[in-house]
Amino acid sequence: MKKITLILSVLMLVSSCSSDSSSESDTPVTPSSILVKKIIELDKDGKEMSTTDFVYNGNKIVSEVIAKKDLSVVGNIGFLYNYKTEYTYTGNLITSIKVKNIIANQDKLVLKTDFLYDSNEDLISSTREQYFDTFKGILRVVYAKINTNTVNCKMYSSDSRDNMETLVWEGKFSFDVNKNLIKSESLDASFLFGSFEYDTKSNPKKGVLGLNKIMFQEIPPLYNVSALQYHLHKFNNVLKSNISGSFPKFNQYTYNANGYPSEMKEYYIYNGNNIHDVTFQYFYE
């Protein structure tokens, strides 16, 4: 049953589809651009919901820590979850990401994703291991570059109990000249799709080395199930998104003097009405 849930979760949430650590003694990369240092998430009433703090070595990301507050606790001092994501580089490419549950100092490894690239430094596969109590779930994604702006993707699911791999999704990604994802569509019978429009300003994570190669990102706090979301933090900022299974969304930005967002308000469209959902505030080094 867990394996079935794992596969279904992939299908639903995709639609919403020798190495050296950057903290080791390798020569730091000199920062060449602005880096986001902290992100604060606010609810529609302006209450702080979560904070994400980033650590860098030059413009290589070392780690990020997200803490989600429990607003039901008096004084806003409780936390629903607290996760740390650690990044490992080989040269200038991100080759491993580890997510740890650090609430109450557990430091428990939740999942690990390894990335492989070809000689042109294009991503060709990722293997994600999720650690459960008695087994691990595995999600393997294989990429095939069709042309400069198009990539095919196949997603396979398995777990350590039987090691039987199942194809759970096949799709195609289209990118603009800045390598922003503008369209995702199914090549199988699932009919899942996604479309995105962007501004011309700089994304808060634009200057993070190697992050623009990643296709999917994890969704906290759903690290204990197969939860993936399109990685959209590459070059520009998403203005509009339309993803199967979700309400259409649009974002409104306030920019700083350097052309980076200082604030983003997210809205979803329901019955023709624009509903303010959350606000994100960005702080830079």
C-alpha atoms as a PDB file:
ATOM      1  CA  MET A   1       0.000   0.000   0.000  1.00  0.00           C
ATOM      2  CA  LYS A   2       2.882   2.356   0.799  1.00  0.00           C
ATOM      3  CA  LYS A   3       4.348   1.770  -2.644  1.00  0.00           C
ATOM      4  CA  ILE A   4       1.020   2.566  -4.322  1.00  0.00           C
ATOM      5  CA  THR A   5       0.739   5.752  -2.270  1.00  0.00           C
ATOM      6  CA  LEU A   6       4.283   6.647  -3.264  1.00  0.00           C
ATOM      7  CA  ILE A   7       3.506   6.347  -6.986  1.00  0.00           C
ATOM      8  CA  LEU A   8       0.223   8.245  -6.775  1.00  0.00           C
ATOM      9  CA  SER A   9       1.890  11.049  -4.826  1.00  0.00           C
ATOM     10  CA  VAL A  10       4.456  11.448  -7.584  1.00  0.00           C
ATOM     11  CA  LEU A  11       1.775  11.745 -10.259  1.00  0.00           C
ATOM     12  CA  MET A  12      -0.256  14.269  -8.298  1.00  0.00           C
ATOM     13  CA  LEU A  13       2.584  16.499  -7.169  1.00  0.00           C
ATOM     14  CA  VAL A  14       4.573  16.556 -10.375  1.00  0.00           C
ATOM     15  CA  SER A  15       1.545  18.176 -11.893  1.00  0.00           C
ATOM     16  CA  SER A  16       1.599  20.915  -9.280  1.00  0.00           C
ATOM     17  CA  CYS A  17       6.457  17.326 -12.336  1.00  0.00           C
ATOM     18  CA  SER A  18      34.707  11.567  -6.051  1.00  0.00           C
ATOM     19  CA  SER A  19      32.835  14.650  -4.768  1.00  0.00           C
ATOM     20  CA  ASP A  20      33.719  17.652  -2.638  1.00  0.00           C
ATOM     21  CA  SER A  21      31.460  19.505  -0.235  1.00  0.00           C
ATOM     22  CA  SER A  22      31.203  23.257  -0.632  1.00  0.00           C
ATOM     23  CA  SER A  23      32.088  23.538   3.055  1.00  0.00           C
ATOM     24  CA  GLU A  24      35.384  21.692   2.582  1.00  0.00           C
ATOM     25  CA  SER A  25      38.806  23.139   1.721  1.00  0.00           C
ATOM     26  CA  ASP A  26      38.232  23.619  -2.005  1.00  0.00           C
ATOM     27  CA  THR A  27      38.831  27.128  -3.279  1.00  0.00           C
ATOM     28  CA  PRO A  28      35.746  29.271  -2.644  1.00  0.00           C
ATOM     29  CA  VAL A  29      34.057  30.747  -5.671  1.00  0.00           C
ATOM     30  CA  THR A  30      34.116  34.529  -5.552  1.00  0.00           C
ATOM     31  CA  PRO A  31      30.556  35.858  -5.365  1.00  0.00           C
ATOM     32  CA  SER A  32      29.678  37.356  -8.728  1.00  0.00           C
ATOM     33  CA  SER A  33      26.107  38.317  -7.965  1.00  0.00           C
ATOM     34  CA  ILE A  34      23.634  39.023  -5.213  1.00  0.00           C
ATOM     35  CA  LEU A  35      22.619  36.081  -3.023  1.00  0.00           C
ATOM     36  CA  VAL A  36      19.424  35.703  -1.005  1.00  0.00           C
ATOM     37  CA  LYS A  37      20.236  35.325   2.687  1.00  0.00           C
ATOM     38  CA  LYS A  38      16.799  34.933   4.249  1.00  0.00           C
ATOM     39  CA  ILE A  39      13.185  34.402   3.138  1.00  0.00           C
ATOM     40  CA  ILE A  40      10.220  35.078   5.425  1.00  0.00           C
ATOM     41  CA  GLU A  41       6.776  33.695   4.606  1.00  0.00           C
ATOM     42  CA  LEU A  42       3.702  35.561   5.900  1.00  0.00           C
ATOM     43  CA  ASP A  43       0.074  34.502   5.862  1.00  0.00           C
ATOM     44  CA  LYS A  44      -2.680  36.697   4.423  1.00  0.00           C
ATOM     45  CA  ASP A  45      -2.988  38.504   7.775  1.00  0.00           C
ATOM     46  CA  GLY A  46       0.723  39.292   7.942  1.00  0.00           C
ATOM     47  CA  LYS A  47       1.623  36.662  10.544  1.00  0.00           C
ATOM     48  CA  GLU A  48       5.016  35.019  10.120  1.00  0.00           C
ATOM     49  CA  MET A  49       4.573  31.418   8.980  1.00  0.00           C
ATOM     50  CA  SER A  50       8.106  30.289   8.177  1.00  0.00           C
ATOM     51  CA  THR A  51      11.689  31.432   7.766  1.00  0.00           C
ATOM     52  CA  THR A  52      14.375  30.052   5.460  1.00  0.00           C
ATOM     53  CA  ASP A  53      18.040  30.896   6.122  1.00  0.00           C
ATOM     54  CA  PHE A  54      20.828  30.285   3.595  1.00  0.00           C
ATOM     55  CA  VAL A  55      24.582  29.688   4.031  1.00  0.00           C
ATOM     56  CA  TYR A  56      27.067  30.036   1.143  1.00  0.00           C
ATOM     57  CA  ASN A  57      30.715  29.458   0.309  1.00  0.00           C
ATOM     58  CA  GLY A  58      31.281  32.088  -2.340  1.00  0.00           C
ATOM     59  CA  ASN A  59      28.271  31.595  -4.593  1.00  0.00           C
ATOM     60  CA  LYS A  60      28.047  27.873  -3.860  1.00  0.00           C
ATOM     61  CA  ILE A  61      25.157  27.089  -1.536  1.00  0.00           C
ATOM     62  CA  VAL A  62      26.194  25.138   1.568  1.00  0.00           C
ATOM     63  CA  SER A  63      22.840  24.751   3.296  1.00  0.00           C
ATOM     64  CA  GLU A  64      19.387  26.155   3.887  1.00  0.00           C
ATOM     65  CA  VAL A  65      17.262  25.771   7.009  1.00  0.00           C
ATOM     66  CA  ILE A  66      13.481  26.150   6.927  1.00  0.00           C
ATOM     67  CA  ALA A  67      11.503  26.532  10.151  1.00  0.00           C
ATOM     68  CA  LYS A  68       7.706  26.437   9.977  1.00  0.00           C
ATOM     69  CA  LYS A  69       5.919  28.063  12.902  1.00  0.00           C
ATOM     70  CA  ASP A  70       2.869  26.625  14.624  1.00  0.00           C
ATOM     71  CA  LEU A  71       0.577  29.648  14.845  1.00  0.00           C
ATOM     72  CA  SER A  72      -1.739  27.791  17.210  1.00  0.00           C
ATOM     73  CA  VAL A  73       0.887  28.010  19.957  1.00  0.00           C
ATOM     74  CA  VAL A  74       0.581  31.017  22.250  1.00  0.00           C
ATOM     75  CA  GLY A  75       3.405  33.455  21.636  1.00  0.00           C
ATOM     76  CA  ASN A  76       4.270  31.973  18.231  1.00  0.00           C
ATOM     77  CA  ILE A  77       7.126  29.923  19.685  1.00  0.00           C
ATOM     78  CA  GLY A  78       6.068  26.454  18.548  1.00  0.00           C
ATOM     79  CA  PHE A  79       7.292  24.818  15.348  1.00  0.00           C
ATOM     80  CA  LEU A  80       5.530  22.381  13.053  1.00  0.00           C
ATOM     81  CA  TYR A  81       8.807  21.349  11.421  1.00  0.00           C
ATOM     82  CA  ASN A  82      12.437  22.344  11.057  1.00  0.00           C
ATOM     83  CA  TYR A  83      14.503  20.957   8.166  1.00  0.00           C
ATOM     84  CA  LYS A  84      18.064  21.489   6.990  1.00  0.00           C
ATOM     85  CA  THR A  85      19.083  20.913   3.369  1.00  0.00           C
ATOM     86  CA  GLU A  86      22.797  20.338   2.723  1.00  0.00           C
ATOM     87  CA  TYR A  87      24.393  20.652  -0.737  1.00  0.00           C
ATOM     88  CA  THR A  88      27.495  18.904  -2.087  1.00  0.00           C
ATOM     89  CA  TYR A  89      29.345  20.032  -5.219  1.00  0.00           C
ATOM     90  CA  THR A  90      31.677  18.344  -7.663  1.00  0.00           C
ATOM     91  CA  GLY A  91      33.433  21.257  -9.298  1.00  0.00           C
ATOM     92  CA  ASN A  92      30.685  23.772 -10.011  1.00  0.00           C
ATOM     93  CA  LEU A  93      27.852  21.220 -10.208  1.00  0.00           C
ATOM     94  CA  ILE A  94      25.508  20.170  -7.409  1.00  0.00           C
ATOM     95  CA  THR A  95      25.899  16.390  -7.164  1.00  0.00           C
ATOM     96  CA  SER A  96      24.103  15.598  -3.906  1.00  0.00           C
ATOM     97  CA  ILE A  97      21.400  17.089  -1.702  1.00  0.00           C
ATOM     98  CA  LYS A  98      20.596  15.791   1.794  1.00  0.00           C
ATOM     99  CA  VAL A  99      17.554  16.813   3.827  1.00  0.00           C
ATOM    100  CA  LYS A 100      17.638  16.369   7.604  1.00  0.00           C
ATOM    101  CA  ASN A 101      14.942  16.773  10.222  1.00  0.00           C
ATOM    102  CA  ILE A 102      16.615  18.970  12.853  1.00  0.00           C
ATOM    103  CA  ILE A 103      13.655  19.770  15.091  1.00  0.00           C
ATOM    104  CA  ALA A 104      14.514  19.010  18.744  1.00  0.00           C
ATOM    105  CA  ASN A 105      18.113  18.379  17.571  1.00  0.00           C
ATOM    106  CA  GLN A 106      17.184  15.083  15.904  1.00  0.00           C
ATOM    107  CA  ASP A 107      19.493  15.589  12.889  1.00  0.00           C
ATOM    108  CA  LYS A 108      17.681  12.689  11.212  1.00  0.00           C
ATOM    109  CA  LEU A 109      18.365  12.062   7.515  1.00  0.00           C
ATOM    110  CA  VAL A 110      15.034  12.175   5.692  1.00  0.00           C
ATOM    111  CA  LEU A 111      16.109  11.916   2.067  1.00  0.00           C
ATOM    112  CA  LYS A 112      19.097  12.119  -0.251  1.00  0.00           C
ATOM    113  CA  THR A 113      19.162  12.987  -3.956  1.00  0.00           C
ATOM    114  CA  ASP A 114      22.178  12.336  -6.190  1.00  0.00           C
ATOM    115  CA  PHE A 115      22.585  14.048  -9.579  1.00  0.00           C
ATOM    116  CA  LEU A 116      24.492  12.913 -12.677  1.00  0.00           C
ATOM    117  CA  TYR A 117      25.592  15.140 -15.578  1.00  0.00           C
ATOM    118  CA  ASP A 118      27.047  14.532 -19.018  1.00  0.00           C
ATOM    119  CA  SER A 119      30.279  16.003 -20.409  1.00  0.00           C
ATOM    120  CA  ASN A 120      28.392  19.173 -21.379  1.00  0.00           C
ATOM    121  CA  GLU A 121      27.250  19.600 -17.758  1.00  0.00           C
ATOM    122  CA  ASP A 122      23.632  18.863 -18.670  1.00  0.00           C
ATOM    123  CA  LEU A 123      21.627  16.949 -16.069  1.00  0.00           C
ATOM    124  CA  ILE A 124      20.971  13.382 -17.243  1.00  0.00           C
ATOM    125  CA  SER A 125      19.518  11.735 -14.121  1.00  0.00           C
ATOM    126  CA  SER A 126      18.666  12.121 -10.459  1.00  0.00           C
ATOM    127  CA  THR A 127      18.106   9.401  -7.862  1.00  0.00           C
ATOM    128  CA  ARG A 128      16.135  10.293  -4.761  1.00  0.00           C
ATOM    129  CA  GLU A 129      16.096   7.997  -1.720  1.00  0.00           C
ATOM    130  CA  GLN A 130      13.436   8.526   0.966  1.00  0.00           C
ATOM    131  CA  TYR A 131      14.069   6.866   4.308  1.00  0.00           C
ATOM    132  CA  PHE A 132      11.122   5.228   6.064  1.00  0.00           C
ATOM    133  CA  ASP A 133      11.195   3.170   9.260  1.00  0.00           C
ATOM    134  CA  THR A 134      11.676  -0.217   7.606  1.00  0.00           C
ATOM    135  CA  PHE A 135      12.519   0.513   3.963  1.00  0.00           C
ATOM    136  CA  LYS A 136      13.562   3.237   1.549  1.00  0.00           C
ATOM    137  CA  GLY A 137      11.587   4.543  -1.400  1.00  0.00           C
ATOM    138  CA  ILE A 138      13.494   5.395  -4.572  1.00  0.00           C
ATOM    139  CA  LEU A 139      12.522   7.872  -7.261  1.00  0.00           C
ATOM    140  CA  ARG A 140      14.757   7.886 -10.344  1.00  0.00           C
ATOM    141  CA  VAL A 141      14.350  10.572 -13.002  1.00  0.00           C
ATOM    142  CA  VAL A 142      16.055  10.294 -16.398  1.00  0.00           C
ATOM    143  CA  TYR A 143      16.449  13.295 -18.707  1.00  0.00           C
ATOM    144  CA  ALA A 144      17.118  13.353 -22.456  1.00  0.00           C
ATOM    145  CA  LYS A 145      17.961  16.655 -24.134  1.00  0.00           C
ATOM    146  CA  ILE A 146      16.077  16.974 -27.427  1.00  0.00           C
ATOM    147  CA  ASN A 147      17.369  20.414 -28.411  1.00  0.00           C
ATOM    148  CA  THR A 148      18.554  23.628 -26.779  1.00  0.00           C
ATOM    149  CA  ASN A 149      15.170  24.385 -25.215  1.00  0.00           C
ATOM    150  CA  THR A 150      13.476  20.970 -24.891  1.00  0.00           C
ATOM    151  CA  VAL A 151      14.094  18.052 -22.517  1.00  0.00           C
ATOM    152  CA  ASN A 152      12.243  14.751 -22.223  1.00  0.00           C
ATOM    153  CA  CYS A 153      11.775  13.208 -18.787  1.00  0.00           C
ATOM    154  CA  LYS A 154      10.958   9.711 -17.493  1.00  0.00           C
ATOM    155  CA  MET A 155      10.216   9.083 -13.826  1.00  0.00           C
ATOM    156  CA  TYR A 156      10.568   5.648 -12.197  1.00  0.00           C
ATOM    157  CA  SER A 157       9.496   4.543  -8.717  1.00  0.00           C
ATOM    158  CA  SER A 158      10.694   1.587  -6.624  1.00  0.00           C
ATOM    159  CA  ASP A 159      11.471   0.654  -3.035  1.00  0.00           C
ATOM    160  CA  SER A 160      14.003  -1.508  -1.243  1.00  0.00           C
ATOM    161  CA  ARG A 161      11.473  -4.219  -0.327  1.00  0.00           C
ATOM    162  CA  ASP A 162      11.244  -5.669  -3.830  1.00  0.00           C
ATOM    163  CA  ASN A 163      13.471  -3.409  -5.996  1.00  0.00           C
ATOM    164  CA  MET A 164      10.882  -3.526  -8.789  1.00  0.00           C
ATOM    165  CA  GLU A 165      10.998  -0.305 -10.798  1.00  0.00           C
ATOM    166  CA  THR A 166       7.827   1.147 -12.332  1.00  0.00           C
ATOM    167  CA  LEU A 167       7.536   3.952 -14.882  1.00  0.00           C
ATOM    168  CA  VAL A 168       5.143   6.438 -13.243  1.00  0.00           C
ATOM    169  CA  TRP A 169       5.378   9.479 -15.510  1.00  0.00           C
ATOM    170  CA  GLU A 170       6.796  10.561 -18.857  1.00  0.00           C
ATOM    171  CA  GLY A 171       6.816  14.151 -19.993  1.00  0.00           C
ATOM    172  CA  LYS A 172       8.481  16.966 -21.896  1.00  0.00           C
ATOM    173  CA  PHE A 173       9.840  20.280 -20.610  1.00  0.00           C
ATOM    174  CA  SER A 174      10.208  23.461 -22.677  1.00  0.00           C
ATOM    175  CA  PHE A 175      12.429  26.390 -21.675  1.00  0.00           C
ATOM    176  CA  ASP A 176      12.897  29.983 -22.788  1.00  0.00           C
ATOM    177  CA  VAL A 177      16.235  31.582 -23.732  1.00  0.00           C
ATOM    178  CA  ASN A 178      17.002  32.183 -20.035  1.00  0.00           C
ATOM    179  CA  LYS A 179      16.353  28.499 -19.223  1.00  0.00           C
ATOM    180  CA  ASN A 180      13.178  29.292 -17.298  1.00  0.00           C
ATOM    181  CA  LEU A 181      10.652  26.452 -17.469  1.00  0.00           C
ATOM    182  CA  ILE A 182       7.720  27.710 -19.542  1.00  0.00           C
ATOM    183  CA  LYS A 183       5.837  24.482 -20.260  1.00  0.00           C
ATOM    184  CA  SER A 184       5.534  20.940 -18.965  1.00  0.00           C
ATOM    185  CA  GLU A 185       3.372  18.361 -20.702  1.00  0.00           C
ATOM    186  CA  SER A 186       2.718  14.633 -20.423  1.00  0.00           C
ATOM    187  CA  LEU A 187       3.815  12.148 -23.037  1.00  0.00           C
ATOM    188  CA  ASP A 188       1.757   9.403 -21.392  1.00  0.00           C
ATOM    189  CA  ALA A 189      -1.958   9.064 -20.601  1.00  0.00           C
ATOM    190  CA  SER A 190      -1.919  11.193 -17.434  1.00  0.00           C
ATOM    191  CA  PHE A 191      -2.621  14.464 -19.296  1.00  0.00           C
ATOM    192  CA  LEU A 192      -0.696  16.485 -16.706  1.00  0.00           C
ATOM    193  CA  PHE A 193       0.516  19.914 -17.745  1.00  0.00           C
ATOM    194  CA  GLY A 194       1.992  23.152 -16.477  1.00  0.00           C
ATOM    195  CA  SER A 195       2.593  26.562 -18.040  1.00  0.00           C
ATOM    196  CA  PHE A 196       4.493  29.551 -16.650  1.00  0.00           C
ATOM    197  CA  GLU A 197       5.090  33.219 -17.466  1.00  0.00           C
ATOM    198  CA  TYR A 198       7.982  35.307 -16.113  1.00  0.00           C
ATOM    199  CA  ASP A 199       9.073  38.875 -15.516  1.00  0.00           C
ATOM    200  CA  THR A 200      12.399  40.298 -16.754  1.00  0.00           C
ATOM    201  CA  LYS A 201      13.924  40.835 -13.297  1.00  0.00           C
ATOM    202  CA  SER A 202      16.421  38.693 -11.386  1.00  0.00           C
ATOM    203  CA  ASN A 203      15.279  35.702  -9.347  1.00  0.00           C
ATOM    204  CA  PRO A 204      16.467  35.711  -5.694  1.00  0.00           C
ATOM    205  CA  LYS A 205      18.374  32.454  -6.345  1.00  0.00           C
ATOM    206  CA  LYS A 206      19.751  33.456  -9.742  1.00  0.00           C
ATOM    207  CA  GLY A 207      23.308  33.808  -8.427  1.00  0.00           C
ATOM    208  CA  VAL A 208      23.498  30.382  -6.739  1.00  0.00           C
ATOM    209  CA  LEU A 209      26.002  28.284  -8.674  1.00  0.00           C
ATOM    210  CA  GLY A 210      24.613  25.061 -10.166  1.00  0.00           C
ATOM    211  CA  LEU A 211      21.066  25.515  -8.890  1.00  0.00           C
ATOM    212  CA  ASN A 212      19.791  26.317 -12.395  1.00  0.00           C
ATOM    213  CA  LYS A 213      20.558  22.722 -13.453  1.00  0.00           C
ATOM    214  CA  ILE A 214      18.026  21.194 -11.047  1.00  0.00           C
ATOM    215  CA  MET A 215      14.615  20.290 -12.524  1.00  0.00           C
ATOM    216  CA  PHE A 216      12.613  19.477  -9.389  1.00  0.00           C
ATOM    217  CA  GLN A 217      12.677  20.640  -5.780  1.00  0.00           C
ATOM    218  CA  GLU A 218      11.340  19.145  -2.567  1.00  0.00           C
ATOM    219  CA  ILE A 219       8.253  20.484  -0.799  1.00  0.00           C
ATOM    220  CA  PRO A 220       8.486  20.866   2.980  1.00  0.00           C
ATOM    221  CA  PRO A 221       7.161  19.322   5.136  1.00  0.00           C
ATOM    222  CA  LEU A 222       6.210  16.448   2.800  1.00  0.00           C
ATOM    223  CA  TYR A 223       9.677  14.909   2.800  1.00  0.00           C
ATOM    224  CA  ASN A 224       8.294  11.606   4.085  1.00  0.00           C
ATOM    225  CA  VAL A 225       6.238  11.046   0.922  1.00  0.00           C
ATOM    226  CA  SER A 226       7.093  11.343  -2.732  1.00  0.00           C
ATOM    227  CA  ALA A 227       6.537  15.083  -3.082  1.00  0.00           C
ATOM    228  CA  LEU A 228       8.130  17.026  -5.895  1.00  0.00           C
ATOM    229  CA  GLN A 229       7.530  20.424  -7.415  1.00  0.00           C
ATOM    230  CA  TYR A 230       8.942  22.086 -10.505  1.00  0.00           C
ATOM    231  CA  HIS A 231      12.123  24.015  -9.714  1.00  0.00           C
ATOM    232  CA  LEU A 232      11.307  27.516 -10.967  1.00  0.00           C
ATOM    233  CA  HIS A 233      14.015  29.562  -9.209  1.00  0.00           C
ATOM    234  CA  LYS A 234      16.477  29.850 -12.076  1.00  0.00           C
ATOM    235  CA  PHE A 235      16.793  33.237 -13.792  1.00  0.00           C
ATOM    236  CA  ASN A 236      13.579  35.289 -13.693  1.00  0.00           C
ATOM    237  CA  ASN A 237      10.498  35.375 -11.431  1.00  0.00           C
ATOM    238  CA  VAL A 238       7.194  33.604 -12.093  1.00  0.00           C
ATOM    239  CA  LEU A 239       4.330  35.998 -12.841  1.00  0.00           C
ATOM    240  CA  LYS A 240       1.659  33.428 -13.714  1.00  0.00           C
ATOM    241  CA  SER A 241       1.357  29.667 -13.349  1.00  0.00           C
ATOM    242  CA  ASN A 242      -1.279  27.213 -14.475  1.00  0.00           C
ATOM    243  CA  ILE A 243      -0.779  23.631 -13.305  1.00  0.00           C
ATOM    244  CA  SER A 244      -3.224  20.770 -13.728  1.00  0.00           C
ATOM    245  CA  GLY A 245      -4.892  19.882 -10.451  1.00  0.00           C
ATOM    246  CA  SER A 246      -4.296  23.343  -8.940  1.00  0.00           C
ATOM    247  CA  PHE A 247      -5.900  26.766  -9.086  1.00  0.00           C
ATOM    248  CA  PRO A 248      -4.247  29.218 -11.516  1.00  0.00           C
ATOM    249  CA  LYS A 249      -1.906  31.568  -9.665  1.00  0.00           C
ATOM    250  CA  PHE A 250      -0.268  34.933 -10.221  1.00  0.00           C
ATOM    251  CA  ASN A 251       2.371  36.850  -8.284  1.00  0.00           C
ATOM    252  CA  GLN A 252       2.908  40.559  -7.620  1.00  0.00           C
ATOM    253  CA  TYR A 253       6.440  41.775  -6.877  1.00  0.00           C
ATOM    254  CA  THR A 254       8.115  44.716  -5.218  1.00  0.00           C
ATOM    255  CA  TYR A 255      11.724  45.070  -6.381  1.00  0.00           C
ATOM    256  CA  ASN A 256      14.793  46.594  -4.749  1.00  0.00           C
ATOM    257  CA  ALA A 257      17.238  48.980  -6.410  1.00  0.00           C
ATOM    258  CA  ASN A 258      19.223  46.039  -7.845  1.00  0.00           C
ATOM    259  CA  GLY A 259      16.209  44.577  -9.635  1.00  0.00           C
ATOM    260  CA  TYR A 260      15.685  41.674  -7.228  1.00  0.00           C
ATOM    261  CA  PRO A 261      12.371  41.005  -5.440  1.00  0.00           C
ATOM    262  CA  SER A 262      12.102  42.380  -1.927  1.00  0.00           C
ATOM    263  CA  GLU A 263       8.541  41.095  -1.603  1.00  0.00           C
ATOM    264  CA  MET A 264       6.236  38.768  -3.502  1.00  0.00           C
ATOM    265  CA  LYS A 265       2.497  38.389  -2.948  1.00  0.00           C
ATOM    266  CA  GLU A 266       0.963  35.174  -4.231  1.00  0.00           C
ATOM    267  CA  TYR A 267      -2.665  34.991  -5.352  1.00  0.00           C
ATOM    268  CA  TYR A 268      -4.792  32.158  -6.647  1.00  0.00           C
ATOM    269  CA  ILE A 269      -7.845  32.546  -8.856  1.00  0.00           C
ATOM    270  CA  TYR A 270     -11.060  30.963  -7.592  1.00  0.00           C
ATOM    271  CA  ASN A 271     -14.458  31.487  -9.238  1.00  0.00           C
ATOM    272  CA  GLY A 272     -13.079  34.546 -11.004  1.00  0.00           C
ATOM    273  CA  ASN A 273     -11.824  36.104  -7.765  1.00  0.00           C
ATOM    274  CA  ASN A 274      -8.195  36.874  -6.896  1.00  0.00           C
ATOM    275  CA  ILE A 275      -7.503  35.416  -3.445  1.00  0.00           C
ATOM    276  CA  HIS A 276      -4.386  36.590  -1.607  1.00  0.00           C
ATOM    277  CA  ASP A 277      -2.707  33.488  -0.227  1.00  0.00           C
ATOM    278  CA  VAL A 278       0.791  34.207   1.127  1.00  0.00           C
ATOM    279  CA  THR A 279       3.528  36.856   1.036  1.00  0.00           C
ATOM    280  CA  PHE A 280       7.277  36.244   0.814  1.00  0.00           C
ATOM    281  CA  GLN A 281       9.899  38.781   1.921  1.00  0.00           C
ATOM    282  CA  TYR A 282      13.484  38.500   0.632  1.00  0.00           C
ATOM    283  CA  PHE A 283      16.698  39.664   2.297  1.00  0.00           C
ATOM    284  CA  TYR A 284      20.114  39.624   0.611  1.00  0.00           C
ATOM    285  CA  GLU A 285      23.796  39.525   1.523  1.00  0.00           C
END
